[in-house]
Amino acid sequence: MPVTLSPAPDILLCHGSPSDDDVFLLEEDGGSHFHPSSEKQIRHKLGSAGAGLTLCGHTHTPRVVRLSDNRTILNPGSVGIPRFGCDRQSGCPLCPCHAQGHTMVVQPSYGQL
């Protein structure tokens, strides 16, 4: 499986980061906990990837980040395996509305998604 996939113009999918499946794109590993990456850290991990919408995973932690250049980075979380103390599944329905800055992560009770 490729490290990245681009299913549509201006959309990039990756598991960890565009260059490394094992690197958290939106979080930093603090040992016993994770903390959000800064925009500078995220830009560094994105490298030359310039998609308007990048979908990542790896941490199973839902988070949406809008960079100062209006690119959106989205980790929808996990439908099947919530982690890190989260007892809710999460997901993100995608539509063209993301281009206008409207991205939504839903977190129903486990088993309802």
PDB file of N, CA and C in Angstrom:
ATOM      1  N   MET A   1       0.844  -1.176   0.000  1.00  0.00           N
ATOM      2  CA  MET A   1       0.000   0.000   0.000  1.00  0.00           C
ATOM      3  C   MET A   1       0.893   1.244   0.000  1.00  0.00           C
ATOM      4  N   PRO A   2       0.543   2.241  -0.792  1.00  0.00           N
ATOM      5  CA  PRO A   2       1.375   3.454  -0.823  1.00  0.00           C
ATOM      6  C   PRO A   2       1.280   4.238   0.482  1.00  0.00           C
ATOM      7  N   VAL A   3       2.304   5.033   0.759  1.00  0.00           N
ATOM      8  CA  VAL A   3       2.307   5.867   1.965  1.00  0.00           C
ATOM      9  C   VAL A   3       1.217   6.934   1.863  1.00  0.00           C
ATOM     10  N   THR A   4       0.980   7.450   0.644  1.00  0.00           N
ATOM     11  CA  THR A   4      -0.063   8.451   0.429  1.00  0.00           C
ATOM     12  C   THR A   4      -0.944   8.026  -0.741  1.00  0.00           C
ATOM     13  N   LEU A   5      -2.125   8.617  -0.787  1.00  0.00           N
ATOM     14  CA  LEU A   5      -3.071   8.383  -1.862  1.00  0.00           C
ATOM     15  C   LEU A   5      -3.794   9.694  -2.107  1.00  0.00           C
ATOM     16  N   SER A   6      -4.048  10.013  -3.362  1.00  0.00           N
ATOM     17  CA  SER A   6      -4.783  11.236  -3.696  1.00  0.00           C
ATOM     18  C   SER A   6      -6.020  10.842  -4.492  1.00  0.00           C
ATOM     19  N   PRO A   7      -7.169  10.633  -3.821  1.00  0.00           N
ATOM     20  CA  PRO A   7      -8.367  10.142  -4.503  1.00  0.00           C
ATOM     21  C   PRO A   7      -9.082  11.195  -5.353  1.00  0.00           C
ATOM     22  N   ALA A   8      -8.746  12.452  -5.139  1.00  0.00           N
ATOM     23  CA  ALA A   8      -9.366  13.548  -5.893  1.00  0.00           C
ATOM     24  C   ALA A   8      -8.394  14.723  -5.881  1.00  0.00           C
ATOM     25  N   PRO A   9      -8.536  15.618  -6.845  1.00  0.00           N
ATOM     26  CA  PRO A   9      -7.654  16.792  -6.837  1.00  0.00           C
ATOM     27  C   PRO A   9      -7.743  17.531  -5.507  1.00  0.00           C
ATOM     28  N   ASP A  10      -6.626  17.927  -4.982  1.00  0.00           N
ATOM     29  CA  ASP A  10      -6.522  18.722  -3.758  1.00  0.00           C
ATOM     30  C   ASP A  10      -6.883  17.961  -2.480  1.00  0.00           C
ATOM     31  N   ILE A  11      -6.933  16.615  -2.542  1.00  0.00           N
ATOM     32  CA  ILE A  11      -7.166  15.794  -1.347  1.00  0.00           C
ATOM     33  C   ILE A  11      -6.028  14.781  -1.238  1.00  0.00           C
ATOM     34  N   LEU A  12      -5.431  14.697  -0.063  1.00  0.00           N
ATOM     35  CA  LEU A  12      -4.340  13.765   0.185  1.00  0.00           C
ATOM     36  C   LEU A  12      -4.699  12.896   1.382  1.00  0.00           C
ATOM     37  N   LEU A  13      -4.504  11.595   1.250  1.00  0.00           N
ATOM     38  CA  LEU A  13      -4.725  10.662   2.348  1.00  0.00           C
ATOM     39  C   LEU A  13      -3.380  10.085   2.775  1.00  0.00           C
ATOM     40  N   CYS A  14      -3.174   9.987   4.068  1.00  0.00           N
ATOM     41  CA  CYS A  14      -1.978   9.330   4.585  1.00  0.00           C
ATOM     42  C   CYS A  14      -2.326   8.722   5.941  1.00  0.00           C
ATOM     43  N   HIS A  15      -1.580   7.718   6.341  1.00  0.00           N
ATOM     44  CA  HIS A  15      -1.841   7.089   7.636  1.00  0.00           C
ATOM     45  C   HIS A  15      -1.215   7.901   8.761  1.00  0.00           C
ATOM     46  N   GLY A  16       0.086   8.102   8.682  1.00  0.00           N
ATOM     47  CA  GLY A  16       0.791   8.901   9.688  1.00  0.00           C
ATOM     48  C   GLY A  16       1.004  10.312   9.165  1.00  0.00           C
ATOM     49  N   SER A  17       2.092  10.497   8.429  1.00  0.00           N
ATOM     50  CA  SER A  17       2.359  11.765   7.742  1.00  0.00           C
ATOM     51  C   SER A  17       2.639  11.432   6.280  1.00  0.00           C
ATOM     52  N   PRO A  18       2.682  12.415   5.388  1.00  0.00           N
ATOM     53  CA  PRO A  18       2.919  12.111   3.974  1.00  0.00           C
ATOM     54  C   PRO A  18       4.231  11.372   3.694  1.00  0.00           C
ATOM     55  N   SER A  19       5.219  11.513   4.551  1.00  0.00           N
ATOM     56  CA  SER A  19       6.499  10.865   4.281  1.00  0.00           C
ATOM     57  C   SER A  19       6.777   9.646   5.153  1.00  0.00           C
ATOM     58  N   ASP A  20       5.980   9.436   6.212  1.00  0.00           N
ATOM     59  CA  ASP A  20       6.291   8.345   7.142  1.00  0.00           C
ATOM     60  C   ASP A  20       5.023   7.866   7.852  1.00  0.00           C
ATOM     61  N   ASP A  21       4.677   6.606   7.641  1.00  0.00           N
ATOM     62  CA  ASP A  21       3.484   6.032   8.282  1.00  0.00           C
ATOM     63  C   ASP A  21       3.544   6.048   9.799  1.00  0.00           C
ATOM     64  N   ASP A  22       4.732   6.107  10.370  1.00  0.00           N
ATOM     65  CA  ASP A  22       4.883   6.022  11.819  1.00  0.00           C
ATOM     66  C   ASP A  22       4.984   7.370  12.516  1.00  0.00           C
ATOM     67  N   VAL A  23       4.856   8.463  11.774  1.00  0.00           N
ATOM     68  CA  VAL A  23       4.951   9.807  12.360  1.00  0.00           C
ATOM     69  C   VAL A  23       3.548  10.375  12.530  1.00  0.00           C
ATOM     70  N   PHE A  24       3.246  10.827  13.739  1.00  0.00           N
ATOM     71  CA  PHE A  24       1.954  11.477  14.000  1.00  0.00           C
ATOM     72  C   PHE A  24       1.976  12.861  13.355  1.00  0.00           C
ATOM     73  N   LEU A  25       1.028  13.153  12.488  1.00  0.00           N
ATOM     74  CA  LEU A  25       1.008  14.440  11.805  1.00  0.00           C
ATOM     75  C   LEU A  25       0.508  15.568  12.710  1.00  0.00           C
ATOM     76  N   LEU A  26      -0.477  15.307  13.531  1.00  0.00           N
ATOM     77  CA  LEU A  26      -1.107  16.373  14.319  1.00  0.00           C
ATOM     78  C   LEU A  26      -0.767  16.352  15.799  1.00  0.00           C
ATOM     79  N   GLU A  27      -0.019  15.363  16.236  1.00  0.00           N
ATOM     80  CA  GLU A  27       0.332  15.259  17.651  1.00  0.00           C
ATOM     81  C   GLU A  27       1.822  15.008  17.819  1.00  0.00           C
ATOM     82  N   GLU A  28       2.308  15.349  19.005  1.00  0.00           N
ATOM     83  CA  GLU A  28       3.684  15.065  19.406  1.00  0.00           C
ATOM     84  C   GLU A  28       3.624  14.053  20.542  1.00  0.00           C
ATOM     85  N   ASP A  29       4.525  13.098  20.519  1.00  0.00           N
ATOM     86  CA  ASP A  29       4.562  12.056  21.542  1.00  0.00           C
ATOM     87  C   ASP A  29       5.315  12.580  22.752  1.00  0.00           C
ATOM     88  N   GLY A  30       4.598  12.764  23.854  1.00  0.00           N
ATOM     89  CA  GLY A  30       5.210  13.256  25.079  1.00  0.00           C
ATOM     90  C   GLY A  30       5.576  12.143  26.045  1.00  0.00           C
ATOM     91  N   GLY A  31       5.662  10.910  25.564  1.00  0.00           N
ATOM     92  CA  GLY A  31       5.987   9.781  26.440  1.00  0.00           C
ATOM     93  C   GLY A  31       4.734   9.161  27.011  1.00  0.00           C
ATOM     94  N   SER A  32       4.202   9.728  28.073  1.00  0.00           N
ATOM     95  CA  SER A  32       2.991   9.185  28.692  1.00  0.00           C
ATOM     96  C   SER A  32       1.717   9.841  28.161  1.00  0.00           C
ATOM     97  N   HIS A  33       1.864  10.814  27.278  1.00  0.00           N
ATOM     98  CA  HIS A  33       0.693  11.493  26.710  1.00  0.00           C
ATOM     99  C   HIS A  33       1.077  12.129  25.367  1.00  0.00           C
ATOM    100  N   PHE A  34       0.070  12.520  24.625  1.00  0.00           N
ATOM    101  CA  PHE A  34       0.287  13.243  23.380  1.00  0.00           C
ATOM    102  C   PHE A  34      -0.131  14.683  23.581  1.00  0.00           C
ATOM    103  N   HIS A  35       0.496  15.583  22.849  1.00  0.00           N
ATOM    104  CA  HIS A  35       0.041  16.973  22.862  1.00  0.00           C
ATOM    105  C   HIS A  35      -0.005  17.461  21.425  1.00  0.00           C
ATOM    106  N   PRO A  36      -0.881  18.437  21.149  1.00  0.00           N
ATOM    107  CA  PRO A  36      -1.055  18.908  19.776  1.00  0.00           C
ATOM    108  C   PRO A  36       0.234  19.488  19.193  1.00  0.00           C
ATOM    109  N   SER A  37       0.486  19.169  17.934  1.00  0.00           N
ATOM    110  CA  SER A  37       1.618  19.752  17.217  1.00  0.00           C
ATOM    111  C   SER A  37       1.318  21.210  16.906  1.00  0.00           C
ATOM    112  N   SER A  38       2.345  22.031  16.883  1.00  0.00           N
ATOM    113  CA  SER A  38       2.192  23.429  16.478  1.00  0.00           C
ATOM    114  C   SER A  38       2.071  23.487  14.954  1.00  0.00           C
ATOM    115  N   GLU A  39       1.633  24.609  14.440  1.00  0.00           N
ATOM    116  CA  GLU A  39       1.552  24.763  12.990  1.00  0.00           C
ATOM    117  C   GLU A  39       2.922  24.574  12.350  1.00  0.00           C
ATOM    118  N   LYS A  40       3.960  25.093  12.968  1.00  0.00           N
ATOM    119  CA  LYS A  40       5.315  24.934  12.435  1.00  0.00           C
ATOM    120  C   LYS A  40       5.695  23.451  12.349  1.00  0.00           C
ATOM    121  N   GLN A  41       5.371  22.679  13.390  1.00  0.00           N
ATOM    122  CA  GLN A  41       5.677  21.249  13.384  1.00  0.00           C
ATOM    123  C   GLN A  41       4.873  20.517  12.301  1.00  0.00           C
ATOM    124  N   ILE A  42       3.604  20.880  12.166  1.00  0.00           N
ATOM    125  CA  ILE A  42       2.754  20.247  11.154  1.00  0.00           C
ATOM    126  C   ILE A  42       3.280  20.558   9.753  1.00  0.00           C
ATOM    127  N   ARG A  43       3.618  21.813   9.502  1.00  0.00           N
ATOM    128  CA  ARG A  43       4.158  22.192   8.186  1.00  0.00           C
ATOM    129  C   ARG A  43       5.440  21.409   7.880  1.00  0.00           C
ATOM    130  N   HIS A  44       6.290  21.242   8.870  1.00  0.00           N
ATOM    131  CA  HIS A  44       7.528  20.487   8.673  1.00  0.00           C
ATOM    132  C   HIS A  44       7.209  19.032   8.301  1.00  0.00           C
ATOM    133  N   LYS A  45       6.250  18.435   9.003  1.00  0.00           N
ATOM    134  CA  LYS A  45       5.892  17.040   8.740  1.00  0.00           C
ATOM    135  C   LYS A  45       5.154  16.878   7.415  1.00  0.00           C
ATOM    136  N   LEU A  46       4.450  17.920   6.969  1.00  0.00           N
ATOM    137  CA  LEU A  46       3.781  17.865   5.665  1.00  0.00           C
ATOM    138  C   LEU A  46       4.785  17.897   4.518  1.00  0.00           C
ATOM    139  N   GLY A  47       5.928  18.530   4.743  1.00  0.00           N
ATOM    140  CA  GLY A  47       6.926  18.633   3.684  1.00  0.00           C
ATOM    141  C   GLY A  47       6.363  19.368   2.483  1.00  0.00           C
ATOM    142  N   SER A  48       6.504  18.782   1.314  1.00  0.00           N
ATOM    143  CA  SER A  48       6.044  19.435   0.082  1.00  0.00           C
ATOM    144  C   SER A  48       4.579  19.162  -0.226  1.00  0.00           C
ATOM    145  N   ALA A  49       3.903  18.380   0.600  1.00  0.00           N
ATOM    146  CA  ALA A  49       2.482  18.099   0.361  1.00  0.00           C
ATOM    147  C   ALA A  49       1.681  19.391   0.499  1.00  0.00           C
ATOM    148  N   GLY A  50       0.957  19.753  -0.532  1.00  0.00           N
ATOM    149  CA  GLY A  50       0.252  21.026  -0.511  1.00  0.00           C
ATOM    150  C   GLY A  50      -1.239  20.922  -0.751  1.00  0.00           C
ATOM    151  N   ALA A  51      -1.822  19.747  -0.526  1.00  0.00           N
ATOM    152  CA  ALA A  51      -3.253  19.561  -0.759  1.00  0.00           C
ATOM    153  C   ALA A  51      -4.075  20.478   0.141  1.00  0.00           C
ATOM    154  N   GLY A  52      -5.212  20.907  -0.357  1.00  0.00           N
ATOM    155  CA  GLY A  52      -6.114  21.738   0.430  1.00  0.00           C
ATOM    156  C   GLY A  52      -6.705  20.989   1.608  1.00  0.00           C
ATOM    157  N   LEU A  53      -6.870  19.675   1.449  1.00  0.00           N
ATOM    158  CA  LEU A  53      -7.388  18.822   2.515  1.00  0.00           C
ATOM    159  C   LEU A  53      -6.490  17.599   2.636  1.00  0.00           C
ATOM    160  N   THR A  54      -5.899  17.420   3.798  1.00  0.00           N
ATOM    161  CA  THR A  54      -5.113  16.223   4.084  1.00  0.00           C
ATOM    162  C   THR A  54      -5.814  15.454   5.184  1.00  0.00           C
ATOM    163  N   LEU A  55      -6.076  14.178   4.926  1.00  0.00           N
ATOM    164  CA  LEU A  55      -6.684  13.297   5.916  1.00  0.00           C
ATOM    165  C   LEU A  55      -5.603  12.360   6.429  1.00  0.00           C
ATOM    166  N   CYS A  56      -5.452  12.319   7.741  1.00  0.00           N
ATOM    167  CA  CYS A  56      -4.437  11.461   8.346  1.00  0.00           C
ATOM    168  C   CYS A  56      -5.081  10.624   9.442  1.00  0.00           C
ATOM    169  N   GLY A  57      -4.304   9.741  10.023  1.00  0.00           N
ATOM    170  CA  GLY A  57      -4.821   8.885  11.084  1.00  0.00           C
ATOM    171  C   GLY A  57      -3.730   8.597  12.093  1.00  0.00           C
ATOM    172  N   HIS A  58      -3.511   7.339  12.333  1.00  0.00           N
ATOM    173  CA  HIS A  58      -2.466   6.785  13.171  1.00  0.00           C
ATOM    174  C   HIS A  58      -2.767   6.903  14.665  1.00  0.00           C
ATOM    175  N   THR A  59      -3.157   8.047  15.155  1.00  0.00           N
ATOM    176  CA  THR A  59      -3.406   8.195  16.591  1.00  0.00           C
ATOM    177  C   THR A  59      -4.828   7.810  16.979  1.00  0.00           C
ATOM    178  N   HIS A  60      -5.739   7.720  16.025  1.00  0.00           N
ATOM    179  CA  HIS A  60      -7.158   7.447  16.278  1.00  0.00           C
ATOM    180  C   HIS A  60      -7.813   8.580  17.070  1.00  0.00           C
ATOM    181  N   THR A  61      -7.169   9.727  17.119  1.00  0.00           N
ATOM    182  CA  THR A  61      -7.663  10.863  17.888  1.00  0.00           C
ATOM    183  C   THR A  61      -8.253  11.911  16.945  1.00  0.00           C
ATOM    184  N   PRO A  62      -9.559  12.200  17.042  1.00  0.00           N
ATOM    185  CA  PRO A  62     -10.149  13.164  16.120  1.00  0.00           C
ATOM    186  C   PRO A  62      -9.617  14.578  16.360  1.00  0.00           C
ATOM    187  N   ARG A  63      -9.248  15.234  15.281  1.00  0.00           N
ATOM    188  CA  ARG A  63      -8.755  16.615  15.372  1.00  0.00           C
ATOM    189  C   ARG A  63      -8.802  17.248  13.994  1.00  0.00           C
ATOM    190  N   VAL A  64      -9.189  18.496  13.943  1.00  0.00           N
ATOM    191  CA  VAL A  64      -9.195  19.278  12.710  1.00  0.00           C
ATOM    192  C   VAL A  64      -8.314  20.491  12.931  1.00  0.00           C
ATOM    193  N   VAL A  65      -7.384  20.724  12.005  1.00  0.00           N
ATOM    194  CA  VAL A  65      -6.502  21.879  12.090  1.00  0.00           C
ATOM    195  C   VAL A  65      -6.588  22.649  10.788  1.00  0.00           C
ATOM    196  N   ARG A  66      -6.830  23.941  10.882  1.00  0.00           N
ATOM    197  CA  ARG A  66      -6.817  24.814   9.714  1.00  0.00           C
ATOM    198  C   ARG A  66      -5.532  25.620   9.798  1.00  0.00           C
ATOM    199  N   LEU A  67      -4.642  25.422   8.821  1.00  0.00           N
ATOM    200  CA  LEU A  67      -3.377  26.152   8.799  1.00  0.00           C
ATOM    201  C   LEU A  67      -3.606  27.593   8.347  1.00  0.00           C
ATOM    202  N   SER A  68      -2.632  28.449   8.585  1.00  0.00           N
ATOM    203  CA  SER A  68      -2.781  29.871   8.247  1.00  0.00           C
ATOM    204  C   SER A  68      -2.919  30.107   6.746  1.00  0.00           C
ATOM    205  N   ASP A  69      -2.510  29.138   5.922  1.00  0.00           N
ATOM    206  CA  ASP A  69      -2.695  29.277   4.467  1.00  0.00           C
ATOM    207  C   ASP A  69      -3.995  28.624   4.000  1.00  0.00           C
ATOM    208  N   ASN A  70      -4.901  28.334   4.927  1.00  0.00           N
ATOM    209  CA  ASN A  70      -6.235  27.765   4.695  1.00  0.00           C
ATOM    210  C   ASN A  70      -6.251  26.291   4.322  1.00  0.00           C
ATOM    211  N   ARG A  71      -5.115  25.603   4.386  1.00  0.00           N
ATOM    212  CA  ARG A  71      -5.156  24.148   4.208  1.00  0.00           C
ATOM    213  C   ARG A  71      -5.766  23.535   5.469  1.00  0.00           C
ATOM    214  N   THR A  72      -6.498  22.449   5.280  1.00  0.00           N
ATOM    215  CA  THR A  72      -7.134  21.751   6.391  1.00  0.00           C
ATOM    216  C   THR A  72      -6.489  20.381   6.556  1.00  0.00           C
ATOM    217  N   ILE A  73      -6.150  20.046   7.795  1.00  0.00           N
ATOM    218  CA  ILE A  73      -5.614  18.736   8.132  1.00  0.00           C
ATOM    219  C   ILE A  73      -6.634  18.089   9.068  1.00  0.00           C
ATOM    220  N   LEU A  74      -7.064  16.883   8.729  1.00  0.00           N
ATOM    221  CA  LEU A  74      -8.131  16.237   9.480  1.00  0.00           C
ATOM    222  C   LEU A  74      -7.742  14.816   9.851  1.00  0.00           C
ATOM    223  N   ASN A  75      -7.836  14.512  11.134  1.00  0.00           N
ATOM    224  CA  ASN A  75      -7.782  13.143  11.610  1.00  0.00           C
ATOM    225  C   ASN A  75      -9.195  12.834  12.089  1.00  0.00           C
ATOM    226  N   PRO A  76      -9.936  11.979  11.372  1.00  0.00           N
ATOM    227  CA  PRO A  76     -11.327  11.730  11.754  1.00  0.00           C
ATOM    228  C   PRO A  76     -11.486  10.856  12.992  1.00  0.00           C
ATOM    229  N   GLY A  77     -10.400  10.314  13.508  1.00  0.00           N
ATOM    230  CA  GLY A  77     -10.499   9.442  14.676  1.00  0.00           C
ATOM    231  C   GLY A  77     -10.616   8.002  14.230  1.00  0.00           C
ATOM    232  N   SER A  78     -11.443   7.218  14.907  1.00  0.00           N
ATOM    233  CA  SER A  78     -11.578   5.805  14.594  1.00  0.00           C
ATOM    234  C   SER A  78     -12.998   5.339  14.835  1.00  0.00           C
ATOM    235  N   VAL A  79     -13.545   4.645  13.848  1.00  0.00           N
ATOM    236  CA  VAL A  79     -14.874   4.067  14.005  1.00  0.00           C
ATOM    237  C   VAL A  79     -14.795   2.783  14.825  1.00  0.00           C
ATOM    238  N   GLY A  80     -13.748   1.998  14.602  1.00  0.00           N
ATOM    239  CA  GLY A  80     -13.693   0.683  15.212  1.00  0.00           C
ATOM    240  C   GLY A  80     -12.843   0.545  16.446  1.00  0.00           C
ATOM    241  N   ILE A  81     -11.801   1.360  16.584  1.00  0.00           N
ATOM    242  CA  ILE A  81     -10.874   1.164  17.688  1.00  0.00           C
ATOM    243  C   ILE A  81     -10.514   2.506  18.333  1.00  0.00           C
ATOM    244  N   PRO A  82     -11.402   3.084  19.152  1.00  0.00           N
ATOM    245  CA  PRO A  82     -11.026   4.308  19.863  1.00  0.00           C
ATOM    246  C   PRO A  82      -9.843   4.023  20.787  1.00  0.00           C
ATOM    247  N   ARG A  83      -8.979   5.009  20.964  1.00  0.00           N
ATOM    248  CA  ARG A  83      -7.776   4.813  21.780  1.00  0.00           C
ATOM    249  C   ARG A  83      -7.565   5.971  22.727  1.00  0.00           C
ATOM    250  N   PHE A  84      -6.573   5.799  23.583  1.00  0.00           N
ATOM    251  CA  PHE A  84      -6.095   6.844  24.488  1.00  0.00           C
ATOM    252  C   PHE A  84      -7.195   7.366  25.401  1.00  0.00           C
ATOM    253  N   GLY A  85      -7.956   6.438  25.984  1.00  0.00           N
ATOM    254  CA  GLY A  85      -8.958   6.803  26.960  1.00  0.00           C
ATOM    255  C   GLY A  85     -10.270   7.293  26.380  1.00  0.00           C
ATOM    256  N   CYS A  86     -10.374   7.356  25.068  1.00  0.00           N
ATOM    257  CA  CYS A  86     -11.617   7.801  24.433  1.00  0.00           C
ATOM    258  C   CYS A  86     -12.531   6.593  24.274  1.00  0.00           C
ATOM    259  N   ASP A  87     -13.740   6.674  24.796  1.00  0.00           N
ATOM    260  CA  ASP A  87     -14.661   5.546  24.684  1.00  0.00           C
ATOM    261  C   ASP A  87     -15.709   5.791  23.600  1.00  0.00           C
ATOM    262  N   ARG A  88     -15.431   6.745  22.697  1.00  0.00           N
ATOM    263  CA  ARG A  88     -16.377   7.058  21.635  1.00  0.00           C
ATOM    264  C   ARG A  88     -15.725   6.809  20.288  1.00  0.00           C
ATOM    265  N   GLN A  89     -16.499   6.238  19.384  1.00  0.00           N
ATOM    266  CA  GLN A  89     -16.027   6.140  18.016  1.00  0.00           C
ATOM    267  C   GLN A  89     -16.197   7.506  17.367  1.00  0.00           C
ATOM    268  N   SER A  90     -15.479   7.756  16.301  1.00  0.00           N
ATOM    269  CA  SER A  90     -15.646   9.034  15.617  1.00  0.00           C
ATOM    270  C   SER A  90     -15.430   8.833  14.134  1.00  0.00           C
ATOM    271  N   GLY A  91     -15.924   9.768  13.373  1.00  0.00           N
ATOM    272  CA  GLY A  91     -15.783   9.739  11.932  1.00  0.00           C
ATOM    273  C   GLY A  91     -16.070  11.111  11.367  1.00  0.00           C
ATOM    274  N   CYS A  92     -15.899  11.241  10.068  1.00  0.00           N
ATOM    275  CA  CYS A  92     -16.094  12.543   9.444  1.00  0.00           C
ATOM    276  C   CYS A  92     -16.715  12.354   8.069  1.00  0.00           C
ATOM    277  N   PRO A  93     -17.972  12.747   7.911  1.00  0.00           N
ATOM    278  CA  PRO A  93     -18.547  12.701   6.569  1.00  0.00           C
ATOM    279  C   PRO A  93     -17.893  13.795   5.716  1.00  0.00           C
ATOM    280  N   LEU A  94     -17.417  13.434   4.538  1.00  0.00           N
ATOM    281  CA  LEU A  94     -16.745  14.408   3.681  1.00  0.00           C
ATOM    282  C   LEU A  94     -17.666  14.855   2.562  1.00  0.00           C
ATOM    283  N   CYS A  95     -17.581  16.117   2.259  1.00  0.00           N
ATOM    284  CA  CYS A  95     -18.329  16.683   1.147  1.00  0.00           C
ATOM    285  C   CYS A  95     -17.560  17.893   0.648  1.00  0.00           C
ATOM    286  N   PRO A  96     -17.952  18.455  -0.479  1.00  0.00           N
ATOM    287  CA  PRO A  96     -17.233  19.639  -0.982  1.00  0.00           C
ATOM    288  C   PRO A  96     -17.234  20.820  -0.019  1.00  0.00           C
ATOM    289  N   CYS A  97     -18.065  20.782   1.007  1.00  0.00           N
ATOM    290  CA  CYS A  97     -18.138  21.905   1.943  1.00  0.00           C
ATOM    291  C   CYS A  97     -16.818  22.129   2.676  1.00  0.00           C
ATOM    292  N   HIS A  98     -15.905  21.125   2.701  1.00  0.00           N
ATOM    293  CA  HIS A  98     -14.633  21.331   3.403  1.00  0.00           C
ATOM    294  C   HIS A  98     -13.861  22.489   2.805  1.00  0.00           C
ATOM    295  N   ALA A  99     -14.072  22.760   1.525  1.00  0.00           N
ATOM    296  CA  ALA A  99     -13.336  23.836   0.863  1.00  0.00           C
ATOM    297  C   ALA A  99     -13.740  25.206   1.399  1.00  0.00           C
ATOM    298  N   GLN A 100     -14.937  25.296   1.948  1.00  0.00           N
ATOM    299  CA  GLN A 100     -15.384  26.558   2.536  1.00  0.00           C
ATOM    300  C   GLN A 100     -15.098  26.620   4.032  1.00  0.00           C
ATOM    301  N   GLY A 101     -14.340  25.663   4.530  1.00  0.00           N
ATOM    302  CA  GLY A 101     -13.972  25.691   5.940  1.00  0.00           C
ATOM    303  C   GLY A 101     -14.960  25.009   6.853  1.00  0.00           C
ATOM    304  N   HIS A 102     -15.851  24.201   6.292  1.00  0.00           N
ATOM    305  CA  HIS A 102     -16.857  23.523   7.102  1.00  0.00           C
ATOM    306  C   HIS A 102     -16.522  22.037   7.180  1.00  0.00           C
ATOM    307  N   THR A 103     -15.790  21.647   8.199  1.00  0.00           N
ATOM    308  CA  THR A 103     -15.440  20.252   8.413  1.00  0.00           C
ATOM    309  C   THR A 103     -15.998  19.845   9.758  1.00  0.00           C
ATOM    310  N   MET A 104     -16.615  18.668   9.809  1.00  0.00           N
ATOM    311  CA  MET A 104     -17.276  18.241  11.026  1.00  0.00           C
ATOM    312  C   MET A 104     -16.803  16.834  11.393  1.00  0.00           C
ATOM    313  N   VAL A 105     -16.455  16.643  12.629  1.00  0.00           N
ATOM    314  CA  VAL A 105     -16.154  15.318  13.152  1.00  0.00           C
ATOM    315  C   VAL A 105     -17.312  14.940  14.060  1.00  0.00           C
ATOM    316  N   VAL A 106     -17.898  13.760  13.825  1.00  0.00           N
ATOM    317  CA  VAL A 106     -18.998  13.307  14.664  1.00  0.00           C
ATOM    318  C   VAL A 106     -18.486  12.243  15.615  1.00  0.00           C
ATOM    319  N   GLN A 107     -19.014  12.245  16.853  1.00  0.00           N
ATOM    320  CA  GLN A 107     -18.607  11.265  17.860  1.00  0.00           C
ATOM    321  C   GLN A 107     -19.834  10.717  18.583  1.00  0.00           C
ATOM    322  N   PRO A 108     -20.566   9.799  17.938  1.00  0.00           N
ATOM    323  CA  PRO A 108     -21.704   9.178  18.621  1.00  0.00           C
ATOM    324  C   PRO A 108     -21.214   8.168  19.655  1.00  0.00           C
ATOM    325  N   SER A 109     -22.115   7.703  20.493  1.00  0.00           N
ATOM    326  CA  SER A 109     -21.746   6.653  21.431  1.00  0.00           C
ATOM    327  C   SER A 109     -21.302   5.431  20.643  1.00  0.00           C
ATOM    328  N   TYR A 110     -20.395   4.651  21.218  1.00  0.00           N
ATOM    329  CA  TYR A 110     -19.849   3.502  20.524  1.00  0.00           C
ATOM    330  C   TYR A 110     -20.958   2.570  20.050  1.00  0.00           C
ATOM    331  N   GLY A 111     -20.873   2.149  18.798  1.00  0.00           N
ATOM    332  CA  GLY A 111     -21.855   1.245  18.229  1.00  0.00           C
ATOM    333  C   GLY A 111     -22.975   1.952  17.480  1.00  0.00           C
ATOM    334  N   GLN A 112     -23.023   3.278  17.507  1.00  0.00           N
ATOM    335  CA  GLN A 112     -24.099   4.009  16.828  1.00  0.00           C
ATOM    336  C   GLN A 112     -23.700   4.569  15.469  1.00  0.00           C
ATOM    337  N   LEU A 113     -22.443   4.442  15.085  1.00  0.00           N
ATOM    338  CA  LEU A 113     -22.010   5.003  13.805  1.00  0.00           C
ATOM    339  C   LEU A 113     -22.018   3.938  12.751  1.00  0.00           C
TER     340      LEU A 113
END
